[in-house]
Amino acid sequence: MNKWLKIILTTALLGTFVTGCSTSVERLDAGETVDLSGAWNDTDSQLVAKEMINDVLNRPWFTNFTAKTGRQPAVIIGAVRNLSHEHINTKTFVNEMERELINSGRVEFVASSDERSEIREERIDQDLNSSEKTRNVAGQERGANFMLKGQINTIIDANGDDQVRYYQVDLSLISLADNRKVWVGQKKLKKLVSNSKLRY
């Protein structure tokens, strides 16, 4: 085999290897439902947040509060614990609920404790460095009337490569004035996953 033939064959083999290892990427619409593994995903976060926030805003506690005080309730989201068998990014779920609450226009939404700490640091800096006209003074924060918190649980029923994945999201709305639970909501999701490689 001459030198040139060896070079041609080697180049062809390398080209085949590189082509076989290439990555294919297809852009999808962000609102499109894609469920590859059966695990909790972005669609589940959006669906559950939308349904549960719609439910909490249409229960008696809301009209009771507005009738009594004449103003919108101020709400904050506390911890949402992941007690499931899998990794779930609860921050994404919390962000979905925040968006639904704020965009409803029916409640005032109070920033989280981490966000408030950062804002307070900025306020201290303004107190030292900003002009009297533009300075925001301490002690003017809006206190929350209610805290929304909860947890995500799963039950897995598996047989061979088939699984039924059951998700249950439980949320409670608690009055900060007296610790009363004024609303309890629950959303269930069930998925049949065939040929599942997802384990728990």
N, C-alpha and C. Protein backbone atom coordinates (compact mmCIF):
# COMPACT_ATOMS: atom_id res chain seq x y z
N MET A 1 0.87 -1.19 0.00
CA MET A 1 0.00 0.00 0.00
C MET A 1 0.90 1.24 0.00
N ASN A 2 0.68 2.10 -1.02
CA ASN A 2 1.55 3.27 -1.09
C ASN A 2 1.17 4.32 -0.06
N LYS A 3 2.06 5.30 0.07
CA LYS A 3 1.90 6.34 1.10
C LYS A 3 0.62 7.14 0.92
N TRP A 4 0.26 7.50 -0.31
CA TRP A 4 -0.91 8.34 -0.56
C TRP A 4 -2.20 7.60 -0.24
N LEU A 5 -2.22 6.30 -0.56
CA LEU A 5 -3.42 5.50 -0.26
C LEU A 5 -3.63 5.39 1.24
N LYS A 6 -2.54 5.25 1.99
CA LYS A 6 -2.63 5.21 3.46
C LYS A 6 -3.20 6.52 4.02
N ILE A 7 -2.74 7.63 3.46
CA ILE A 7 -3.20 8.94 3.92
C ILE A 7 -4.70 9.11 3.64
N ILE A 8 -5.14 8.69 2.45
CA ILE A 8 -6.55 8.81 2.07
C ILE A 8 -7.42 7.95 2.99
N LEU A 9 -7.01 6.70 3.25
CA LEU A 9 -7.78 5.81 4.12
C LEU A 9 -7.84 6.33 5.55
N THR A 10 -6.71 6.83 6.04
CA THR A 10 -6.67 7.37 7.41
C THR A 10 -7.59 8.58 7.54
N THR A 11 -7.57 9.47 6.54
CA THR A 11 -8.44 10.65 6.55
C THR A 11 -9.91 10.25 6.53
N ALA A 12 -10.24 9.24 5.71
CA ALA A 12 -11.63 8.78 5.61
C ALA A 12 -12.09 8.19 6.94
N LEU A 13 -11.22 7.39 7.58
CA LEU A 13 -11.57 6.80 8.87
C LEU A 13 -11.76 7.86 9.95
N LEU A 14 -10.88 8.87 9.98
CA LEU A 14 -11.00 9.96 10.95
C LEU A 14 -12.29 10.74 10.72
N GLY A 15 -12.62 10.98 9.46
CA GLY A 15 -13.86 11.69 9.14
C GLY A 15 -15.08 10.94 9.62
N THR A 16 -15.07 9.61 9.44
CA THR A 16 -16.18 8.78 9.91
C THR A 16 -16.29 8.82 11.43
N PHE A 17 -15.14 8.77 12.12
CA PHE A 17 -15.13 8.79 13.58
C PHE A 17 -15.68 10.11 14.12
N VAL A 18 -15.21 11.23 13.51
CA VAL A 18 -15.66 12.55 13.96
C VAL A 18 -17.15 12.73 13.70
N THR A 19 -17.63 12.27 12.54
CA THR A 19 -19.06 12.38 12.23
C THR A 19 -19.89 11.57 13.21
N GLY A 20 -19.41 10.38 13.56
CA GLY A 20 -20.14 9.51 14.49
C GLY A 20 -20.22 10.08 15.88
N CYS A 21 -19.29 10.93 16.27
CA CYS A 21 -19.26 11.50 17.62
C CYS A 21 -19.83 12.91 17.68
N SER A 22 -20.33 13.41 16.56
CA SER A 22 -20.82 14.79 16.56
C SER A 22 -22.11 14.91 17.37
N THR A 23 -22.36 16.11 17.89
CA THR A 23 -23.54 16.38 18.69
C THR A 23 -24.60 17.05 17.82
N SER A 24 -25.82 16.58 17.93
CA SER A 24 -26.93 17.18 17.20
C SER A 24 -27.76 18.04 18.15
N VAL A 25 -28.04 19.28 17.75
CA VAL A 25 -28.80 20.20 18.58
C VAL A 25 -30.00 20.70 17.79
N GLU A 26 -31.17 20.63 18.39
CA GLU A 26 -32.38 21.15 17.78
C GLU A 26 -33.00 22.16 18.72
N ARG A 27 -33.23 23.37 18.25
CA ARG A 27 -33.85 24.39 19.10
C ARG A 27 -35.35 24.13 19.19
N LEU A 28 -35.87 24.27 20.43
CA LEU A 28 -37.29 24.04 20.69
C LEU A 28 -37.93 25.30 21.23
N ASP A 29 -39.23 25.41 21.05
CA ASP A 29 -39.97 26.49 21.68
C ASP A 29 -39.97 26.27 23.18
N ALA A 30 -39.72 27.35 23.95
CA ALA A 30 -39.62 27.22 25.42
C ALA A 30 -40.91 26.72 26.04
N GLY A 31 -42.03 26.93 25.35
CA GLY A 31 -43.31 26.48 25.89
C GLY A 31 -43.69 25.07 25.48
N GLU A 32 -42.86 24.44 24.66
CA GLU A 32 -43.16 23.09 24.18
C GLU A 32 -42.90 22.06 25.27
N THR A 33 -43.81 21.10 25.40
CA THR A 33 -43.66 20.05 26.40
C THR A 33 -42.75 18.95 25.87
N VAL A 34 -41.64 18.71 26.57
CA VAL A 34 -40.71 17.64 26.23
C VAL A 34 -40.44 16.86 27.51
N ASP A 35 -40.79 15.59 27.51
CA ASP A 35 -40.61 14.76 28.71
C ASP A 35 -39.78 13.55 28.33
N LEU A 36 -38.46 13.65 28.52
CA LEU A 36 -37.56 12.59 28.07
C LEU A 36 -37.40 11.46 29.08
N SER A 37 -37.29 11.81 30.35
CA SER A 37 -36.96 10.80 31.37
C SER A 37 -38.13 10.40 32.25
N GLY A 38 -39.16 11.25 32.30
CA GLY A 38 -40.25 11.00 33.24
C GLY A 38 -40.04 11.69 34.57
N ALA A 39 -38.87 12.30 34.75
CA ALA A 39 -38.59 13.02 36.00
C ALA A 39 -39.32 14.36 35.98
N TRP A 40 -39.40 14.99 37.16
CA TRP A 40 -39.98 16.33 37.29
C TRP A 40 -39.23 17.28 36.36
N ASN A 41 -39.96 18.10 35.60
CA ASN A 41 -39.30 18.99 34.65
C ASN A 41 -39.93 20.38 34.65
N ASP A 42 -39.52 21.22 33.70
CA ASP A 42 -40.00 22.60 33.64
C ASP A 42 -41.50 22.69 33.41
N THR A 43 -42.04 21.77 32.61
CA THR A 43 -43.48 21.78 32.36
C THR A 43 -44.26 21.49 33.64
N ASP A 44 -43.75 20.56 34.45
CA ASP A 44 -44.40 20.25 35.72
C ASP A 44 -44.40 21.47 36.65
N SER A 45 -43.26 22.17 36.72
CA SER A 45 -43.16 23.38 37.55
C SER A 45 -44.19 24.42 37.13
N GLN A 46 -44.27 24.66 35.82
CA GLN A 46 -45.19 25.68 35.31
C GLN A 46 -46.65 25.28 35.56
N LEU A 47 -46.98 24.03 35.25
CA LEU A 47 -48.36 23.54 35.39
C LEU A 47 -48.82 23.61 36.84
N VAL A 48 -48.01 23.07 37.74
CA VAL A 48 -48.39 23.01 39.16
C VAL A 48 -48.48 24.41 39.74
N ALA A 49 -47.50 25.28 39.45
CA ALA A 49 -47.51 26.64 39.97
C ALA A 49 -48.76 27.38 39.51
N LYS A 50 -49.09 27.28 38.23
CA LYS A 50 -50.24 28.00 37.69
C LYS A 50 -51.54 27.54 38.35
N GLU A 51 -51.73 26.24 38.45
CA GLU A 51 -52.97 25.70 39.01
C GLU A 51 -53.11 26.01 40.50
N MET A 52 -52.00 25.89 41.25
CA MET A 52 -52.07 26.08 42.69
C MET A 52 -52.23 27.56 43.05
N ILE A 53 -51.58 28.45 42.32
CA ILE A 53 -51.73 29.88 42.60
C ILE A 53 -53.14 30.34 42.21
N ASN A 54 -53.65 29.82 41.12
CA ASN A 54 -55.03 30.13 40.74
C ASN A 54 -56.01 29.68 41.83
N ASP A 55 -55.75 28.52 42.42
CA ASP A 55 -56.61 28.00 43.47
C ASP A 55 -56.53 28.86 44.74
N VAL A 56 -55.30 29.20 45.17
CA VAL A 56 -55.15 29.94 46.42
C VAL A 56 -55.78 31.33 46.33
N LEU A 57 -55.74 31.94 45.14
CA LEU A 57 -56.28 33.30 45.00
C LEU A 57 -57.81 33.32 44.88
N ASN A 58 -58.41 32.17 44.75
CA ASN A 58 -59.87 32.11 44.60
C ASN A 58 -60.55 31.38 45.76
N ARG A 59 -59.94 31.46 46.92
CA ARG A 59 -60.50 30.85 48.13
C ARG A 59 -60.95 31.93 49.12
N PRO A 60 -61.77 31.57 50.12
CA PRO A 60 -62.37 32.56 51.02
C PRO A 60 -61.40 33.46 51.77
N TRP A 61 -60.19 32.98 52.10
CA TRP A 61 -59.26 33.81 52.87
C TRP A 61 -59.01 35.15 52.19
N PHE A 62 -59.00 35.14 50.84
CA PHE A 62 -58.67 36.37 50.10
C PHE A 62 -59.76 37.43 50.28
N THR A 63 -61.00 37.06 50.03
CA THR A 63 -62.11 38.02 50.19
C THR A 63 -62.30 38.40 51.65
N ASN A 64 -62.07 37.46 52.56
CA ASN A 64 -62.16 37.78 53.99
C ASN A 64 -61.16 38.86 54.38
N PHE A 65 -59.93 38.72 53.89
CA PHE A 65 -58.88 39.68 54.23
C PHE A 65 -59.16 41.05 53.63
N THR A 66 -59.50 41.08 52.34
CA THR A 66 -59.74 42.37 51.69
C THR A 66 -60.97 43.08 52.26
N ALA A 67 -62.00 42.30 52.62
CA ALA A 67 -63.20 42.91 53.20
C ALA A 67 -62.89 43.50 54.58
N LYS A 68 -62.04 42.82 55.34
CA LYS A 68 -61.72 43.26 56.69
C LYS A 68 -60.76 44.45 56.71
N THR A 69 -59.77 44.45 55.80
CA THR A 69 -58.72 45.47 55.85
C THR A 69 -58.87 46.56 54.78
N GLY A 70 -59.59 46.24 53.72
CA GLY A 70 -59.72 47.20 52.62
C GLY A 70 -58.49 47.32 51.75
N ARG A 71 -57.58 46.37 51.84
CA ARG A 71 -56.37 46.40 51.01
C ARG A 71 -55.97 45.00 50.56
N GLN A 72 -55.05 44.95 49.62
CA GLN A 72 -54.56 43.67 49.12
C GLN A 72 -53.66 43.00 50.16
N PRO A 73 -53.71 41.67 50.26
CA PRO A 73 -52.78 40.99 51.16
C PRO A 73 -51.37 41.00 50.59
N ALA A 74 -50.39 41.05 51.49
CA ALA A 74 -48.98 40.94 51.10
C ALA A 74 -48.52 39.52 51.39
N VAL A 75 -47.92 38.88 50.39
CA VAL A 75 -47.56 37.46 50.48
C VAL A 75 -46.06 37.30 50.28
N ILE A 76 -45.48 36.35 50.99
CA ILE A 76 -44.09 35.96 50.79
C ILE A 76 -44.05 34.44 50.65
N ILE A 77 -43.11 33.94 49.87
CA ILE A 77 -42.95 32.48 49.73
C ILE A 77 -41.80 32.03 50.62
N GLY A 78 -42.10 31.07 51.48
CA GLY A 78 -41.08 30.48 52.35
C GLY A 78 -40.45 29.27 51.69
N ALA A 79 -40.03 28.31 52.50
CA ALA A 79 -39.34 27.13 51.98
C ALA A 79 -40.33 26.17 51.31
N VAL A 80 -39.91 25.63 50.17
CA VAL A 80 -40.61 24.51 49.54
C VAL A 80 -39.61 23.36 49.54
N ARG A 81 -39.85 22.37 50.38
CA ARG A 81 -38.89 21.28 50.58
C ARG A 81 -39.09 20.16 49.56
N ASN A 82 -37.98 19.66 49.07
CA ASN A 82 -38.02 18.52 48.16
C ASN A 82 -37.82 17.23 48.98
N LEU A 83 -38.91 16.51 49.20
CA LEU A 83 -38.85 15.24 49.94
C LEU A 83 -39.02 14.06 48.99
N SER A 84 -38.79 14.31 47.71
CA SER A 84 -38.99 13.27 46.70
C SER A 84 -37.76 12.37 46.60
N HIS A 85 -37.87 11.36 45.68
CA HIS A 85 -36.76 10.44 45.43
C HIS A 85 -35.71 11.03 44.50
N GLU A 86 -35.99 12.16 43.87
CA GLU A 86 -35.10 12.67 42.85
C GLU A 86 -34.71 14.11 43.13
N HIS A 87 -33.71 14.57 42.40
CA HIS A 87 -33.31 15.98 42.52
C HIS A 87 -34.34 16.84 41.81
N ILE A 88 -34.93 17.79 42.54
CA ILE A 88 -35.87 18.75 41.95
C ILE A 88 -35.37 20.14 42.32
N ASN A 89 -35.22 20.98 41.31
CA ASN A 89 -34.80 22.35 41.54
C ASN A 89 -36.01 23.14 42.04
N THR A 90 -36.18 23.19 43.36
CA THR A 90 -37.35 23.87 43.93
C THR A 90 -37.30 25.38 43.70
N LYS A 91 -36.11 25.93 43.45
CA LYS A 91 -36.00 27.37 43.19
C LYS A 91 -36.76 27.73 41.92
N THR A 92 -36.68 26.88 40.90
CA THR A 92 -37.41 27.13 39.66
C THR A 92 -38.91 27.11 39.92
N PHE A 93 -39.36 26.16 40.74
CA PHE A 93 -40.78 26.06 41.08
C PHE A 93 -41.23 27.30 41.86
N VAL A 94 -40.42 27.73 42.82
CA VAL A 94 -40.73 28.93 43.61
C VAL A 94 -40.82 30.15 42.69
N ASN A 95 -39.89 30.26 41.73
CA ASN A 95 -39.91 31.38 40.80
C ASN A 95 -41.18 31.39 39.96
N GLU A 96 -41.65 30.20 39.57
CA GLU A 96 -42.90 30.11 38.81
C GLU A 96 -44.07 30.61 39.65
N MET A 97 -44.10 30.23 40.93
CA MET A 97 -45.18 30.68 41.81
C MET A 97 -45.11 32.19 42.04
N GLU A 98 -43.91 32.72 42.22
CA GLU A 98 -43.74 34.17 42.38
C GLU A 98 -44.30 34.90 41.16
N ARG A 99 -43.95 34.41 39.98
CA ARG A 99 -44.41 35.06 38.75
C ARG A 99 -45.93 35.06 38.67
N GLU A 100 -46.55 33.91 38.99
CA GLU A 100 -48.01 33.81 38.93
C GLU A 100 -48.66 34.75 39.95
N LEU A 101 -48.10 34.83 41.15
CA LEU A 101 -48.66 35.72 42.17
C LEU A 101 -48.55 37.19 41.78
N ILE A 102 -47.36 37.60 41.35
CA ILE A 102 -47.15 39.00 41.00
C ILE A 102 -48.00 39.40 39.79
N ASN A 103 -47.99 38.56 38.77
CA ASN A 103 -48.72 38.89 37.53
C ASN A 103 -50.23 38.83 37.69
N SER A 104 -50.70 38.20 38.77
CA SER A 104 -52.15 38.17 39.00
C SER A 104 -52.67 39.57 39.32
N GLY A 105 -51.81 40.42 39.89
CA GLY A 105 -52.22 41.77 40.27
C GLY A 105 -53.14 41.81 41.47
N ARG A 106 -53.31 40.68 42.15
CA ARG A 106 -54.27 40.61 43.24
C ARG A 106 -53.62 40.67 44.61
N VAL A 107 -52.31 40.48 44.68
CA VAL A 107 -51.60 40.54 45.96
C VAL A 107 -50.37 41.42 45.81
N GLU A 108 -49.89 41.91 46.93
CA GLU A 108 -48.57 42.53 46.97
C GLU A 108 -47.58 41.43 47.33
N PHE A 109 -46.42 41.46 46.68
CA PHE A 109 -45.47 40.37 46.89
C PHE A 109 -44.22 40.90 47.58
N VAL A 110 -43.85 40.28 48.69
CA VAL A 110 -42.70 40.72 49.48
C VAL A 110 -41.47 39.90 49.08
N ALA A 111 -40.33 40.57 48.94
CA ALA A 111 -39.09 39.90 48.56
C ALA A 111 -38.67 38.88 49.62
N SER A 112 -37.90 37.88 49.17
CA SER A 112 -37.43 36.82 50.08
C SER A 112 -36.41 37.38 51.07
N SER A 113 -36.09 36.59 52.09
CA SER A 113 -35.15 37.05 53.12
C SER A 113 -33.77 37.34 52.53
N ASP A 114 -33.32 36.51 51.56
CA ASP A 114 -32.02 36.76 50.92
C ASP A 114 -32.05 38.07 50.14
N GLU A 115 -33.12 38.28 49.40
CA GLU A 115 -33.25 39.51 48.63
C GLU A 115 -33.34 40.73 49.54
N ARG A 116 -34.07 40.60 50.65
CA ARG A 116 -34.20 41.73 51.58
C ARG A 116 -32.85 42.09 52.19
N SER A 117 -32.03 41.08 52.50
CA SER A 117 -30.70 41.35 53.07
C SER A 117 -29.85 42.17 52.11
N GLU A 118 -29.91 41.80 50.81
CA GLU A 118 -29.13 42.54 49.81
C GLU A 118 -29.64 43.98 49.68
N ILE A 119 -30.95 44.13 49.70
CA ILE A 119 -31.54 45.47 49.58
C ILE A 119 -31.21 46.32 50.80
N ARG A 120 -31.20 45.70 51.99
CA ARG A 120 -30.85 46.45 53.21
C ARG A 120 -29.41 46.93 53.16
N GLU A 121 -28.51 46.12 52.61
CA GLU A 121 -27.12 46.55 52.46
C GLU A 121 -27.02 47.76 51.54
N GLU A 122 -27.82 47.72 50.46
CA GLU A 122 -27.84 48.86 49.53
C GLU A 122 -28.39 50.10 50.23
N ARG A 123 -29.40 49.91 51.09
CA ARG A 123 -30.00 51.05 51.80
C ARG A 123 -28.99 51.68 52.77
N ILE A 124 -28.20 50.84 53.41
CA ILE A 124 -27.15 51.34 54.31
C ILE A 124 -26.13 52.15 53.51
N ASP A 125 -25.76 51.62 52.33
CA ASP A 125 -24.81 52.33 51.47
C ASP A 125 -25.40 53.67 51.02
N GLN A 126 -26.69 53.69 50.69
CA GLN A 126 -27.34 54.94 50.30
C GLN A 126 -27.34 55.94 51.46
N ASP A 127 -27.55 55.45 52.65
CA ASP A 127 -27.59 56.32 53.83
C ASP A 127 -26.27 57.06 54.00
N LEU A 128 -25.17 56.38 53.61
CA LEU A 128 -23.84 56.98 53.75
C LEU A 128 -23.45 57.82 52.54
N ASN A 129 -23.92 57.43 51.35
CA ASN A 129 -23.36 58.01 50.14
C ASN A 129 -24.34 58.73 49.21
N SER A 130 -25.64 58.53 49.38
CA SER A 130 -26.59 59.15 48.45
C SER A 130 -27.07 60.50 48.97
N SER A 131 -27.56 61.31 48.04
CA SER A 131 -28.06 62.62 48.42
C SER A 131 -29.37 62.47 49.20
N GLU A 132 -29.73 63.52 49.91
CA GLU A 132 -30.95 63.51 50.72
C GLU A 132 -32.19 63.24 49.85
N LYS A 133 -32.19 63.78 48.62
CA LYS A 133 -33.34 63.63 47.73
C LYS A 133 -33.55 62.19 47.26
N THR A 134 -32.44 61.50 47.00
CA THR A 134 -32.54 60.16 46.39
C THR A 134 -32.39 59.02 47.40
N ARG A 135 -32.08 59.35 48.62
CA ARG A 135 -31.85 58.32 49.66
C ARG A 135 -33.17 57.65 50.05
N ASN A 136 -33.13 56.33 50.22
CA ASN A 136 -34.27 55.56 50.73
C ASN A 136 -33.98 55.17 52.18
N VAL A 137 -34.80 55.65 53.09
CA VAL A 137 -34.52 55.45 54.51
C VAL A 137 -34.99 54.09 54.98
N ALA A 138 -34.39 53.61 56.07
CA ALA A 138 -34.79 52.33 56.66
C ALA A 138 -36.13 52.48 57.38
N GLY A 139 -36.75 51.34 57.65
CA GLY A 139 -37.98 51.33 58.43
C GLY A 139 -39.25 51.55 57.63
N GLN A 140 -39.15 51.46 56.29
CA GLN A 140 -40.32 51.68 55.44
C GLN A 140 -40.75 50.41 54.71
N GLU A 141 -40.25 49.26 55.10
CA GLU A 141 -40.53 48.02 54.38
C GLU A 141 -41.98 47.58 54.56
N ARG A 142 -42.49 46.89 53.56
CA ARG A 142 -43.84 46.33 53.61
C ARG A 142 -43.75 44.95 54.25
N GLY A 143 -44.41 44.78 55.37
CA GLY A 143 -44.42 43.48 56.03
C GLY A 143 -45.43 42.54 55.38
N ALA A 144 -45.09 41.28 55.30
CA ALA A 144 -45.99 40.29 54.70
C ALA A 144 -47.10 39.92 55.67
N ASN A 145 -48.28 39.67 55.14
CA ASN A 145 -49.41 39.18 55.93
C ASN A 145 -49.48 37.66 55.95
N PHE A 146 -48.99 37.04 54.86
CA PHE A 146 -49.12 35.59 54.72
C PHE A 146 -47.84 35.00 54.12
N MET A 147 -47.53 33.78 54.55
CA MET A 147 -46.41 33.04 53.97
C MET A 147 -46.93 31.76 53.32
N LEU A 148 -46.46 31.53 52.07
CA LEU A 148 -46.79 30.31 51.35
C LEU A 148 -45.61 29.36 51.42
N LYS A 149 -45.84 28.14 51.90
CA LYS A 149 -44.74 27.17 52.02
C LYS A 149 -45.26 25.77 51.80
N GLY A 150 -44.35 24.82 51.60
CA GLY A 150 -44.83 23.45 51.36
C GLY A 150 -43.74 22.47 51.06
N GLN A 151 -44.13 21.38 50.37
CA GLN A 151 -43.19 20.30 50.07
C GLN A 151 -43.63 19.50 48.86
N ILE A 152 -42.65 18.81 48.25
CA ILE A 152 -42.91 17.93 47.11
C ILE A 152 -42.52 16.52 47.51
N ASN A 153 -43.45 15.58 47.35
CA ASN A 153 -43.21 14.17 47.67
C ASN A 153 -43.41 13.31 46.44
N THR A 154 -42.80 12.12 46.44
CA THR A 154 -43.01 11.17 45.35
C THR A 154 -43.28 9.77 45.90
N ILE A 155 -43.98 9.00 45.10
CA ILE A 155 -44.12 7.55 45.31
C ILE A 155 -43.76 6.90 43.98
N ILE A 156 -42.85 5.93 44.00
CA ILE A 156 -42.42 5.24 42.79
C ILE A 156 -42.90 3.79 42.86
N ASP A 157 -43.62 3.36 41.83
CA ASP A 157 -44.04 1.97 41.70
C ASP A 157 -43.37 1.42 40.45
N ALA A 158 -42.42 0.49 40.62
CA ALA A 158 -41.62 0.00 39.49
C ALA A 158 -41.77 -1.50 39.31
N ASN A 159 -41.76 -1.91 38.04
CA ASN A 159 -41.76 -3.32 37.69
C ASN A 159 -40.90 -3.47 36.44
N GLY A 160 -39.71 -4.04 36.61
CA GLY A 160 -38.79 -4.15 35.49
C GLY A 160 -38.36 -2.77 35.04
N ASP A 161 -38.52 -2.51 33.73
CA ASP A 161 -38.14 -1.22 33.18
C ASP A 161 -39.30 -0.24 33.14
N ASP A 162 -40.44 -0.60 33.72
CA ASP A 162 -41.60 0.29 33.73
C ASP A 162 -41.81 0.87 35.12
N GLN A 163 -42.18 2.15 35.16
CA GLN A 163 -42.40 2.84 36.42
C GLN A 163 -43.66 3.69 36.34
N VAL A 164 -44.34 3.79 37.47
CA VAL A 164 -45.35 4.83 37.65
C VAL A 164 -44.75 5.80 38.67
N ARG A 165 -44.59 7.04 38.24
CA ARG A 165 -44.00 8.08 39.10
C ARG A 165 -45.13 9.01 39.53
N TYR A 166 -45.36 9.06 40.84
CA TYR A 166 -46.46 9.84 41.41
C TYR A 166 -45.88 10.99 42.21
N TYR A 167 -46.26 12.21 41.84
CA TYR A 167 -45.78 13.41 42.52
C TYR A 167 -46.95 14.06 43.25
N GLN A 168 -46.70 14.48 44.48
CA GLN A 168 -47.72 15.20 45.26
C GLN A 168 -47.10 16.46 45.82
N VAL A 169 -47.68 17.60 45.45
CA VAL A 169 -47.22 18.90 45.94
C VAL A 169 -48.24 19.42 46.94
N ASP A 170 -47.80 19.66 48.16
CA ASP A 170 -48.66 20.19 49.22
C ASP A 170 -48.17 21.59 49.61
N LEU A 171 -49.07 22.56 49.56
CA LEU A 171 -48.74 23.92 49.94
C LEU A 171 -49.71 24.42 51.00
N SER A 172 -49.22 25.28 51.88
CA SER A 172 -50.07 25.91 52.90
C SER A 172 -49.82 27.40 52.90
N LEU A 173 -50.90 28.17 53.10
CA LEU A 173 -50.78 29.61 53.27
C LEU A 173 -51.05 29.92 54.73
N ILE A 174 -50.08 30.54 55.39
CA ILE A 174 -50.13 30.74 56.84
C ILE A 174 -50.15 32.23 57.17
N SER A 175 -51.06 32.61 58.05
CA SER A 175 -51.13 34.00 58.51
C SER A 175 -49.96 34.28 59.45
N LEU A 176 -49.19 35.33 59.14
CA LEU A 176 -48.06 35.69 60.00
C LEU A 176 -48.50 36.36 61.29
N ALA A 177 -49.72 36.84 61.33
CA ALA A 177 -50.22 37.50 62.54
C ALA A 177 -50.49 36.51 63.66
N ASP A 178 -51.02 35.33 63.29
CA ASP A 178 -51.44 34.39 64.34
C ASP A 178 -51.19 32.92 64.01
N ASN A 179 -50.39 32.64 62.98
CA ASN A 179 -50.02 31.27 62.59
C ASN A 179 -51.19 30.40 62.12
N ARG A 180 -52.31 31.00 61.76
CA ARG A 180 -53.43 30.21 61.23
C ARG A 180 -53.14 29.79 59.79
N LYS A 181 -53.46 28.54 59.48
CA LYS A 181 -53.44 28.10 58.09
C LYS A 181 -54.76 28.52 57.46
N VAL A 182 -54.68 29.40 56.47
CA VAL A 182 -55.91 29.91 55.86
C VAL A 182 -56.24 29.21 54.54
N TRP A 183 -55.28 28.46 54.02
CA TRP A 183 -55.50 27.70 52.78
C TRP A 183 -54.52 26.54 52.76
N VAL A 184 -55.01 25.38 52.33
CA VAL A 184 -54.16 24.20 52.10
C VAL A 184 -54.48 23.68 50.71
N GLY A 185 -53.46 23.58 49.88
CA GLY A 185 -53.66 23.12 48.50
C GLY A 185 -52.83 21.89 48.20
N GLN A 186 -53.32 21.12 47.24
CA GLN A 186 -52.62 19.90 46.86
C GLN A 186 -52.76 19.67 45.36
N LYS A 187 -51.67 19.32 44.71
CA LYS A 187 -51.68 18.98 43.29
C LYS A 187 -50.95 17.66 43.10
N LYS A 188 -51.56 16.77 42.32
CA LYS A 188 -50.98 15.45 42.07
C LYS A 188 -50.67 15.28 40.60
N LEU A 189 -49.53 14.66 40.31
CA LEU A 189 -49.14 14.30 38.95
C LEU A 189 -48.78 12.82 38.94
N LYS A 190 -49.18 12.13 37.89
CA LYS A 190 -48.84 10.71 37.77
C LYS A 190 -48.33 10.46 36.35
N LYS A 191 -47.16 9.79 36.24
CA LYS A 191 -46.55 9.52 34.94
C LYS A 191 -46.22 8.04 34.83
N LEU A 192 -46.58 7.44 33.69
CA LEU A 192 -46.17 6.08 33.37
C LEU A 192 -44.95 6.19 32.47
N VAL A 193 -43.82 5.64 32.93
CA VAL A 193 -42.56 5.72 32.19
C VAL A 193 -42.17 4.31 31.79
N SER A 194 -42.12 4.05 30.48
CA SER A 194 -41.74 2.72 29.97
C SER A 194 -40.27 2.72 29.59
N ASN A 195 -39.62 1.54 29.73
CA ASN A 195 -38.20 1.38 29.44
C ASN A 195 -37.38 2.41 30.20
N SER A 196 -37.75 2.61 31.46
CA SER A 196 -37.12 3.67 32.26
C SER A 196 -35.71 3.29 32.70
N LYS A 197 -34.79 4.24 32.50
CA LYS A 197 -33.43 4.09 33.04
C LYS A 197 -33.26 4.96 34.28
N LEU A 198 -34.33 5.66 34.65
CA LEU A 198 -34.30 6.55 35.82
C LEU A 198 -34.51 5.70 37.08
N ARG A 199 -33.59 5.80 38.00
CA ARG A 199 -33.65 5.01 39.22
C ARG A 199 -33.74 5.93 40.42
N TYR A 200 -34.08 5.36 41.57
CA TYR A 200 -34.28 6.15 42.78
C TYR A 200 -33.55 5.50 43.94
